N, C-alpha and C. Protein backbone atom coordinates (compact mmCIF):
# COMPACT_ATOMS: atom_id res chain seq x y z
N MET A 1 -77.19 31.67 19.26
CA MET A 1 -76.85 30.40 18.69
C MET A 1 -76.86 29.37 19.80
N ARG A 2 -76.94 28.14 19.45
CA ARG A 2 -77.27 27.13 20.45
C ARG A 2 -76.10 26.53 21.20
N ARG A 3 -75.02 26.18 20.52
CA ARG A 3 -73.94 25.47 21.20
C ARG A 3 -72.88 26.43 21.72
N PRO A 4 -72.27 26.13 22.85
CA PRO A 4 -71.20 26.98 23.34
C PRO A 4 -69.99 26.90 22.42
N SER A 5 -69.15 27.91 22.48
CA SER A 5 -67.96 27.96 21.66
C SER A 5 -67.10 26.73 21.88
N GLY A 6 -66.53 26.23 20.78
CA GLY A 6 -65.65 25.09 20.88
C GLY A 6 -66.34 23.76 20.70
N ASP A 7 -67.67 23.69 20.80
CA ASP A 7 -68.38 22.44 20.57
C ASP A 7 -68.26 22.05 19.11
N THR A 8 -68.37 20.77 18.86
CA THR A 8 -68.34 20.31 17.48
C THR A 8 -69.62 19.58 17.16
N ALA A 9 -69.94 19.55 15.91
CA ALA A 9 -71.11 18.82 15.43
C ALA A 9 -70.63 17.73 14.48
N ARG A 10 -71.31 16.62 14.47
CA ARG A 10 -70.97 15.54 13.55
C ARG A 10 -71.66 15.80 12.23
N THR A 11 -70.91 15.75 11.17
CA THR A 11 -71.44 15.92 9.81
C THR A 11 -70.94 14.71 9.03
N GLY A 12 -71.79 13.70 8.88
CA GLY A 12 -71.32 12.47 8.26
C GLY A 12 -70.26 11.86 9.14
N SER A 13 -69.09 11.60 8.57
CA SER A 13 -68.01 11.01 9.36
C SER A 13 -67.01 12.06 9.82
N THR A 14 -67.33 13.33 9.64
CA THR A 14 -66.41 14.41 9.96
C THR A 14 -66.98 15.28 11.07
N SER A 15 -66.14 15.71 12.00
CA SER A 15 -66.56 16.66 13.02
C SER A 15 -66.17 18.06 12.58
N VAL A 16 -67.09 19.00 12.73
CA VAL A 16 -66.81 20.39 12.39
C VAL A 16 -67.19 21.26 13.58
N ARG A 17 -66.55 22.43 13.68
CA ARG A 17 -66.86 23.35 14.76
C ARG A 17 -68.25 23.91 14.55
N ALA A 18 -69.04 23.95 15.59
CA ALA A 18 -70.40 24.49 15.51
C ALA A 18 -70.35 26.02 15.53
N SER A 19 -71.44 26.64 15.10
CA SER A 19 -71.53 28.10 15.16
C SER A 19 -71.61 28.55 16.61
N ASP A 20 -71.24 29.80 16.86
CA ASP A 20 -71.31 30.34 18.21
C ASP A 20 -71.68 31.82 18.16
N ARG A 21 -71.74 32.44 19.32
CA ARG A 21 -72.14 33.85 19.41
C ARG A 21 -71.17 34.77 18.69
N ALA A 22 -69.90 34.41 18.66
CA ALA A 22 -68.91 35.23 17.95
C ALA A 22 -69.23 35.25 16.45
N ASP A 23 -69.70 34.13 15.91
CA ASP A 23 -70.10 34.08 14.51
C ASP A 23 -71.27 35.02 14.26
N GLU A 24 -72.28 34.97 15.13
CA GLU A 24 -73.45 35.82 14.99
C GLU A 24 -73.06 37.29 15.07
N LYS A 25 -72.20 37.65 16.02
CA LYS A 25 -71.77 39.04 16.17
C LYS A 25 -71.02 39.50 14.93
N HIS A 26 -70.17 38.65 14.38
CA HIS A 26 -69.43 39.01 13.17
C HIS A 26 -70.39 39.31 12.02
N LEU A 27 -71.41 38.47 11.85
CA LEU A 27 -72.39 38.68 10.79
C LEU A 27 -73.15 40.00 11.01
N GLN A 28 -73.54 40.27 12.25
CA GLN A 28 -74.25 41.52 12.57
C GLN A 28 -73.37 42.73 12.26
N ASP A 29 -72.11 42.66 12.66
CA ASP A 29 -71.19 43.77 12.42
C ASP A 29 -70.99 44.01 10.93
N PHE A 30 -70.90 42.94 10.15
CA PHE A 30 -70.71 43.06 8.71
C PHE A 30 -71.91 43.78 8.09
N VAL A 31 -73.11 43.36 8.46
CA VAL A 31 -74.34 43.96 7.91
C VAL A 31 -74.43 45.43 8.28
N LYS A 32 -74.10 45.78 9.52
CA LYS A 32 -74.22 47.16 9.99
C LYS A 32 -73.20 48.09 9.31
N ALA A 33 -72.04 47.56 8.97
CA ALA A 33 -70.94 48.40 8.47
C ALA A 33 -70.91 48.53 6.94
N ARG A 34 -71.77 47.82 6.23
CA ARG A 34 -71.72 47.83 4.78
C ARG A 34 -73.10 48.06 4.18
N ARG A 35 -73.13 48.49 2.93
CA ARG A 35 -74.42 48.70 2.28
C ARG A 35 -74.62 47.67 1.17
N GLY A 36 -75.87 47.48 0.81
CA GLY A 36 -76.20 46.58 -0.29
C GLY A 36 -75.88 45.13 -0.02
N VAL A 37 -75.98 44.71 1.23
CA VAL A 37 -75.62 43.34 1.60
C VAL A 37 -76.74 42.37 1.22
N GLU A 38 -76.34 41.23 0.65
CA GLU A 38 -77.25 40.13 0.37
C GLU A 38 -76.72 38.88 1.06
N GLY A 39 -77.62 38.00 1.45
CA GLY A 39 -77.24 36.77 2.13
C GLY A 39 -77.44 35.57 1.23
N PHE A 40 -76.48 34.65 1.26
CA PHE A 40 -76.54 33.42 0.49
C PHE A 40 -76.36 32.26 1.47
N VAL A 41 -77.42 31.49 1.65
CA VAL A 41 -77.42 30.41 2.62
C VAL A 41 -76.88 29.16 1.93
N GLU A 42 -75.78 28.64 2.50
CA GLU A 42 -75.10 27.49 1.92
C GLU A 42 -75.42 26.25 2.76
N PRO A 43 -75.85 25.18 2.10
CA PRO A 43 -76.28 23.98 2.83
C PRO A 43 -75.11 23.25 3.48
N ARG A 44 -75.46 22.41 4.43
CA ARG A 44 -74.49 21.54 5.10
C ARG A 44 -73.81 20.65 4.06
N THR A 45 -72.52 20.42 4.23
CA THR A 45 -71.78 19.51 3.37
C THR A 45 -71.06 18.49 4.26
N ALA A 46 -70.28 17.63 3.64
CA ALA A 46 -69.54 16.63 4.40
C ALA A 46 -68.48 17.26 5.30
N VAL A 47 -68.02 18.45 4.95
CA VAL A 47 -66.94 19.08 5.73
C VAL A 47 -67.34 20.39 6.39
N SER A 48 -68.56 20.87 6.16
CA SER A 48 -68.96 22.15 6.73
C SER A 48 -70.43 22.11 7.14
N ASP A 49 -70.73 22.77 8.24
CA ASP A 49 -72.10 22.93 8.67
C ASP A 49 -72.77 23.95 7.76
N VAL A 50 -74.02 24.28 8.01
CA VAL A 50 -74.71 25.31 7.25
C VAL A 50 -73.97 26.63 7.45
N THR A 51 -73.77 27.39 6.37
CA THR A 51 -73.09 28.67 6.48
C THR A 51 -73.94 29.76 5.84
N LEU A 52 -73.70 30.98 6.30
CA LEU A 52 -74.32 32.16 5.72
C LEU A 52 -73.21 33.00 5.12
N LEU A 53 -73.28 33.20 3.82
CA LEU A 53 -72.35 34.04 3.08
C LEU A 53 -73.02 35.39 2.90
N LEU A 54 -72.39 36.46 3.38
CA LEU A 54 -72.89 37.81 3.19
C LEU A 54 -71.99 38.52 2.19
N VAL A 55 -72.61 39.15 1.19
CA VAL A 55 -71.86 39.84 0.15
C VAL A 55 -72.37 41.27 0.05
N ALA A 56 -71.45 42.23 0.20
CA ALA A 56 -71.80 43.65 0.13
C ALA A 56 -71.89 44.11 -1.33
N HIS A 57 -72.31 45.37 -1.53
CA HIS A 57 -72.51 45.92 -2.88
C HIS A 57 -71.24 45.87 -3.73
N ASP A 58 -70.07 46.00 -3.09
CA ASP A 58 -68.81 46.04 -3.83
C ASP A 58 -68.15 44.66 -3.98
N GLY A 59 -68.82 43.62 -3.47
CA GLY A 59 -68.29 42.26 -3.58
C GLY A 59 -67.55 41.79 -2.34
N GLU A 60 -67.27 42.70 -1.40
CA GLU A 60 -66.64 42.26 -0.15
C GLU A 60 -67.57 41.25 0.50
N TRP A 61 -67.00 40.22 1.11
CA TRP A 61 -67.84 39.15 1.63
C TRP A 61 -67.28 38.58 2.91
N THR A 62 -68.15 37.86 3.60
CA THR A 62 -67.76 37.10 4.78
C THR A 62 -68.65 35.87 4.85
N ARG A 63 -68.16 34.84 5.51
CA ARG A 63 -68.92 33.58 5.64
C ARG A 63 -68.73 33.07 7.06
N ARG A 64 -69.83 32.64 7.67
CA ARG A 64 -69.76 32.07 9.01
C ARG A 64 -70.74 30.91 9.12
N ARG A 65 -70.42 29.99 10.01
CA ARG A 65 -71.34 28.89 10.32
C ARG A 65 -72.56 29.45 11.04
N VAL A 66 -73.71 28.82 10.80
CA VAL A 66 -74.95 29.21 11.47
C VAL A 66 -75.67 27.93 11.91
N PRO A 67 -76.59 28.04 12.87
CA PRO A 67 -77.25 26.84 13.40
C PRO A 67 -78.11 26.08 12.39
N SER A 68 -78.74 26.80 11.44
CA SER A 68 -79.62 26.11 10.49
C SER A 68 -79.93 27.02 9.31
N VAL A 69 -80.49 26.44 8.27
CA VAL A 69 -80.94 27.20 7.11
C VAL A 69 -82.01 28.20 7.55
N GLN A 70 -82.95 27.74 8.36
CA GLN A 70 -84.02 28.61 8.85
C GLN A 70 -83.45 29.79 9.63
N TRP A 71 -82.48 29.53 10.51
CA TRP A 71 -81.86 30.60 11.29
C TRP A 71 -81.25 31.64 10.36
N ALA A 72 -80.56 31.20 9.31
CA ALA A 72 -79.91 32.12 8.37
C ALA A 72 -80.92 33.03 7.69
N HIS A 73 -82.03 32.48 7.22
CA HIS A 73 -83.05 33.30 6.57
C HIS A 73 -83.70 34.25 7.58
N GLN A 74 -83.91 33.80 8.80
CA GLN A 74 -84.48 34.66 9.83
C GLN A 74 -83.52 35.81 10.18
N PHE A 75 -82.24 35.51 10.26
CA PHE A 75 -81.23 36.54 10.52
C PHE A 75 -81.30 37.60 9.43
N CYS A 76 -81.34 37.17 8.19
CA CYS A 76 -81.39 38.11 7.07
C CYS A 76 -82.66 38.95 7.12
N ASN A 77 -83.79 38.31 7.37
CA ASN A 77 -85.05 39.04 7.46
C ASN A 77 -84.99 40.09 8.57
N LYS A 78 -84.46 39.70 9.72
CA LYS A 78 -84.36 40.60 10.87
C LYS A 78 -83.52 41.84 10.54
N HIS A 79 -82.49 41.64 9.72
CA HIS A 79 -81.58 42.73 9.38
C HIS A 79 -81.88 43.35 8.02
N GLN A 80 -83.05 43.04 7.47
CA GLN A 80 -83.50 43.57 6.18
C GLN A 80 -82.49 43.33 5.07
N VAL A 81 -81.97 42.10 5.04
CA VAL A 81 -81.02 41.67 4.03
C VAL A 81 -81.71 40.60 3.18
N PRO A 82 -81.78 40.79 1.87
CA PRO A 82 -82.37 39.73 1.03
C PRO A 82 -81.56 38.45 1.18
N SER A 83 -82.23 37.31 1.21
CA SER A 83 -81.50 36.05 1.34
C SER A 83 -81.92 35.07 0.26
N TYR A 84 -80.96 34.26 -0.16
CA TYR A 84 -81.16 33.32 -1.25
C TYR A 84 -80.53 31.99 -0.86
N ASP A 85 -81.00 30.92 -1.47
CA ASP A 85 -80.37 29.61 -1.30
C ASP A 85 -79.23 29.52 -2.31
N ALA A 86 -78.01 29.48 -1.82
CA ALA A 86 -76.83 29.48 -2.68
C ALA A 86 -76.80 28.26 -3.60
N ALA A 87 -77.35 27.14 -3.16
CA ALA A 87 -77.36 25.94 -4.00
C ALA A 87 -78.24 26.13 -5.23
N VAL A 88 -79.17 27.07 -5.16
CA VAL A 88 -80.08 27.34 -6.29
C VAL A 88 -79.55 28.47 -7.17
N VAL A 89 -79.14 29.58 -6.55
CA VAL A 89 -78.76 30.77 -7.32
C VAL A 89 -77.26 30.96 -7.48
N GLY A 90 -76.44 30.21 -6.75
CA GLY A 90 -75.00 30.42 -6.79
C GLY A 90 -74.62 31.65 -5.98
N VAL A 91 -73.41 32.14 -6.21
CA VAL A 91 -72.95 33.35 -5.52
C VAL A 91 -72.77 34.44 -6.57
N PRO A 92 -72.87 35.71 -6.16
CA PRO A 92 -72.83 36.79 -7.14
C PRO A 92 -71.45 36.99 -7.77
N GLN A 93 -71.46 37.39 -9.02
CA GLN A 93 -70.21 37.63 -9.76
C GLN A 93 -69.37 38.70 -9.08
N ARG A 94 -70.01 39.67 -8.43
CA ARG A 94 -69.24 40.75 -7.80
C ARG A 94 -68.32 40.22 -6.71
N MET A 95 -68.66 39.09 -6.11
CA MET A 95 -67.80 38.47 -5.10
C MET A 95 -66.52 37.95 -5.77
N HIS A 96 -66.66 37.29 -6.91
CA HIS A 96 -65.49 36.78 -7.65
C HIS A 96 -64.61 37.94 -8.11
N GLU A 97 -65.25 39.02 -8.57
CA GLU A 97 -64.50 40.19 -9.02
C GLU A 97 -63.75 40.83 -7.85
N TYR A 98 -64.37 40.88 -6.67
CA TYR A 98 -63.72 41.40 -5.47
C TYR A 98 -62.48 40.56 -5.15
N ASN A 99 -62.64 39.24 -5.19
CA ASN A 99 -61.50 38.35 -4.90
C ASN A 99 -60.36 38.58 -5.89
N ARG A 100 -60.70 38.79 -7.17
CA ARG A 100 -59.68 39.04 -8.19
C ARG A 100 -58.96 40.36 -7.90
N ARG A 101 -59.74 41.42 -7.58
CA ARG A 101 -59.13 42.72 -7.27
C ARG A 101 -58.23 42.63 -6.04
N LYS A 102 -58.66 41.88 -5.06
CA LYS A 102 -57.87 41.73 -3.83
C LYS A 102 -56.57 40.99 -4.12
N LYS A 103 -56.66 39.97 -4.94
CA LYS A 103 -55.48 39.16 -5.27
C LYS A 103 -54.44 39.97 -6.05
N THR A 104 -54.93 40.84 -6.94
CA THR A 104 -54.00 41.63 -7.77
C THR A 104 -53.61 42.94 -7.12
N GLY A 105 -54.15 43.23 -5.92
CA GLY A 105 -53.79 44.44 -5.20
C GLY A 105 -54.52 45.68 -5.68
N ASP A 106 -55.63 45.51 -6.38
CA ASP A 106 -56.39 46.65 -6.91
C ASP A 106 -57.42 47.19 -5.92
N LEU A 107 -57.39 46.76 -4.68
CA LEU A 107 -58.35 47.27 -3.67
C LEU A 107 -57.74 48.38 -2.88
């Protein structure tokens, strides 16, 4: 990733923390430790930089900032993870179901 840890990027009138190597390592670890992972690339917003949402087969998920949309798709390709534009396809229902199970203590 490009910026050192702690750097911020301007997004409109808001500053947000930029992605860093720790974010990349977290995403790599998630992919390696789980099966059936899919990637959902989330566009930059007024309060967040571009993010990559990874969702495993059981709905467990993680989200981290990434340098760009292109970087996110390349990361997924490199790790043989299908990737989608979240603004087009949304996020999978299994993620919502996972959140519900976690909230009710059914995990």
